[in-house]
Amino acid sequence: MQFIKIMQTLMLMLPTLINVVRQVQELFPQKELGPQKLELVKQMTEAAHQADPDTNVDFDQLWPAVRRVIEGILTLVKSDAAAPK
């Protein structure tokens, strides 16, 4: 049942993750800062997770899935930016 908990958590987080990725990209557009930007998002996510007493998913189990979602968001953002207008 952990899969269901993680999937539900990701679905709830998706709009926020999209906004966070956009904001971080706008604030730090330098491509060479990729690892630092990802670490910033991780720290923000972990801080929010720790502040929520009702969380039902362990952060160490959640983070790999969140990271993959972020990578997917970045792929979509980059392909949209490269698309002809």
C-alpha atoms as a PDB file:
ATOM      1  CA  MET A   1       0.000   0.000   0.000  1.00  0.00           C
ATOM      2  CA  GLN A   2       3.016   2.296   0.183  1.00  0.00           C
ATOM      3  CA  PHE A   3       2.733   2.703  -3.602  1.00  0.00           C
ATOM      4  CA  ILE A   4      -0.762   4.179  -3.218  1.00  0.00           C
ATOM      5  CA  LYS A   5       0.398   6.586  -0.499  1.00  0.00           C
ATOM      6  CA  ILE A   6       3.332   7.773  -2.605  1.00  0.00           C
ATOM      7  CA  MET A   7       1.180   8.126  -5.725  1.00  0.00           C
ATOM      8  CA  GLN A   8      -1.450  10.139  -3.833  1.00  0.00           C
ATOM      9  CA  THR A   9       1.246  12.347  -2.342  1.00  0.00           C
ATOM     10  CA  LEU A  10       2.788  12.965  -5.768  1.00  0.00           C
ATOM     11  CA  MET A  11      -0.584  13.866  -7.262  1.00  0.00           C
ATOM     12  CA  LEU A  12      -1.181  16.371  -4.476  1.00  0.00           C
ATOM     13  CA  MET A  13       2.313  17.784  -4.877  1.00  0.00           C
ATOM     14  CA  LEU A  14       2.316  18.070  -8.675  1.00  0.00           C
ATOM     15  CA  PRO A  15       0.901  21.619  -9.051  1.00  0.00           C
ATOM     16  CA  THR A  16       3.234  22.884  -6.332  1.00  0.00           C
ATOM     17  CA  LEU A  17       6.246  21.127  -7.848  1.00  0.00           C
ATOM     18  CA  ILE A  18       5.493  22.681 -11.244  1.00  0.00           C
ATOM     19  CA  ASN A  19       5.362  26.132  -9.659  1.00  0.00           C
ATOM     20  CA  VAL A  20       8.525  25.553  -7.629  1.00  0.00           C
ATOM     21  CA  VAL A  21      10.438  24.380 -10.717  1.00  0.00           C
ATOM     22  CA  ARG A  22       9.274  27.434 -12.666  1.00  0.00           C
ATOM     23  CA  GLN A  23      10.241  29.812  -9.882  1.00  0.00           C
ATOM     24  CA  VAL A  24      13.660  28.250  -9.349  1.00  0.00           C
ATOM     25  CA  GLN A  25      14.308  28.298 -13.109  1.00  0.00           C
ATOM     26  CA  GLU A  26      13.354  31.986 -13.271  1.00  0.00           C
ATOM     27  CA  LEU A  27      15.499  32.933 -10.284  1.00  0.00           C
ATOM     28  CA  PHE A  28      18.496  30.850 -11.369  1.00  0.00           C
ATOM     29  CA  PRO A  29      18.440  30.443 -15.168  1.00  0.00           C
ATOM     30  CA  GLN A  30      22.063  29.260 -15.359  1.00  0.00           C
ATOM     31  CA  LYS A  31      22.156  25.670 -16.654  1.00  0.00           C
ATOM     32  CA  GLU A  32      25.343  24.862 -14.755  1.00  0.00           C
ATOM     33  CA  LEU A  33      23.446  25.327 -11.477  1.00  0.00           C
ATOM     34  CA  GLY A  34      21.256  22.269 -12.141  1.00  0.00           C
ATOM     35  CA  PRO A  35      22.490  20.172  -9.185  1.00  0.00           C
ATOM     36  CA  GLN A  36      22.224  23.125  -6.806  1.00  0.00           C
ATOM     37  CA  LYS A  37      18.703  23.917  -8.012  1.00  0.00           C
ATOM     38  CA  LEU A  38      17.648  20.312  -7.465  1.00  0.00           C
ATOM     39  CA  GLU A  39      19.190  20.381  -3.980  1.00  0.00           C
ATOM     40  CA  LEU A  40      17.255  23.577  -3.193  1.00  0.00           C
ATOM     41  CA  VAL A  41      13.987  21.917  -4.212  1.00  0.00           C
ATOM     42  CA  LYS A  42      14.912  18.859  -2.147  1.00  0.00           C
ATOM     43  CA  GLN A  43      15.594  21.001   0.912  1.00  0.00           C
ATOM     44  CA  MET A  44      12.305  22.847   0.469  1.00  0.00           C
ATOM     45  CA  THR A  45      10.395  19.598   0.056  1.00  0.00           C
ATOM     46  CA  GLU A  46      12.079  17.999   3.045  1.00  0.00           C
ATOM     47  CA  ALA A  47      11.424  21.041   5.239  1.00  0.00           C
ATOM     48  CA  ALA A  48       7.742  21.017   4.322  1.00  0.00           C
ATOM     49  CA  HIS A  49       7.586  17.269   4.895  1.00  0.00           C
ATOM     50  CA  GLN A  50       9.161  17.564   8.339  1.00  0.00           C
ATOM     51  CA  ALA A  51       6.794  20.389   9.291  1.00  0.00           C
ATOM     52  CA  ASP A  52       3.720  18.255   8.527  1.00  0.00           C
ATOM     53  CA  PRO A  53       2.843  16.085  11.523  1.00  0.00           C
ATOM     54  CA  ASP A  54       0.204  14.226   9.487  1.00  0.00           C
ATOM     55  CA  THR A  55       2.501  12.956   6.749  1.00  0.00           C
ATOM     56  CA  ASN A  56       2.151   9.248   6.137  1.00  0.00           C
ATOM     57  CA  VAL A  57       5.095   8.684   3.768  1.00  0.00           C
ATOM     58  CA  ASP A  58       8.754   8.515   4.790  1.00  0.00           C
ATOM     59  CA  PHE A  59      10.768  11.248   3.052  1.00  0.00           C
ATOM     60  CA  ASP A  60      13.565   8.848   2.081  1.00  0.00           C
ATOM     61  CA  GLN A  61      11.003   6.742   0.223  1.00  0.00           C
ATOM     62  CA  LEU A  62       9.270   9.771  -1.265  1.00  0.00           C
ATOM     63  CA  TRP A  63      12.265  11.747  -2.552  1.00  0.00           C
ATOM     64  CA  PRO A  64      13.312   9.418  -5.407  1.00  0.00           C
ATOM     65  CA  ALA A  65       9.794   9.616  -6.825  1.00  0.00           C
ATOM     66  CA  VAL A  66       9.668  13.398  -6.373  1.00  0.00           C
ATOM     67  CA  ARG A  67      13.019  13.697  -8.123  1.00  0.00           C
ATOM     68  CA  ARG A  68      11.734  11.715 -11.110  1.00  0.00           C
ATOM     69  CA  VAL A  69       8.649  13.931 -11.286  1.00  0.00           C
ATOM     70  CA  ILE A  70      10.876  17.028 -11.252  1.00  0.00           C
ATOM     71  CA  GLU A  71      13.009  15.555 -14.036  1.00  0.00           C
ATOM     72  CA  GLY A  72       9.835  14.925 -16.032  1.00  0.00           C
ATOM     73  CA  ILE A  73       8.671  18.503 -15.476  1.00  0.00           C
ATOM     74  CA  LEU A  74      12.049  19.823 -16.634  1.00  0.00           C
ATOM     75  CA  THR A  75      11.918  17.655 -19.757  1.00  0.00           C
ATOM     76  CA  LEU A  76       8.486  19.073 -20.628  1.00  0.00           C
ATOM     77  CA  VAL A  77       9.598  22.636 -19.927  1.00  0.00           C
ATOM     78  CA  LYS A  78      12.676  22.237 -22.125  1.00  0.00           C
ATOM     79  CA  SER A  79      10.750  20.629 -24.981  1.00  0.00           C
ATOM     80  CA  ASP A  80       8.126  23.373 -24.807  1.00  0.00           C
ATOM     81  CA  ALA A  81      10.832  26.059 -24.881  1.00  0.00           C
ATOM     82  CA  ALA A  82      12.467  24.407 -27.897  1.00  0.00           C
ATOM     83  CA  ALA A  83       9.206  24.032 -29.816  1.00  0.00           C
ATOM     84  CA  PRO A  84       8.674  26.452 -32.679  1.00  0.00           C
ATOM     85  CA  LYS A  85       6.217  29.206 -31.851  1.00  0.00           C
END
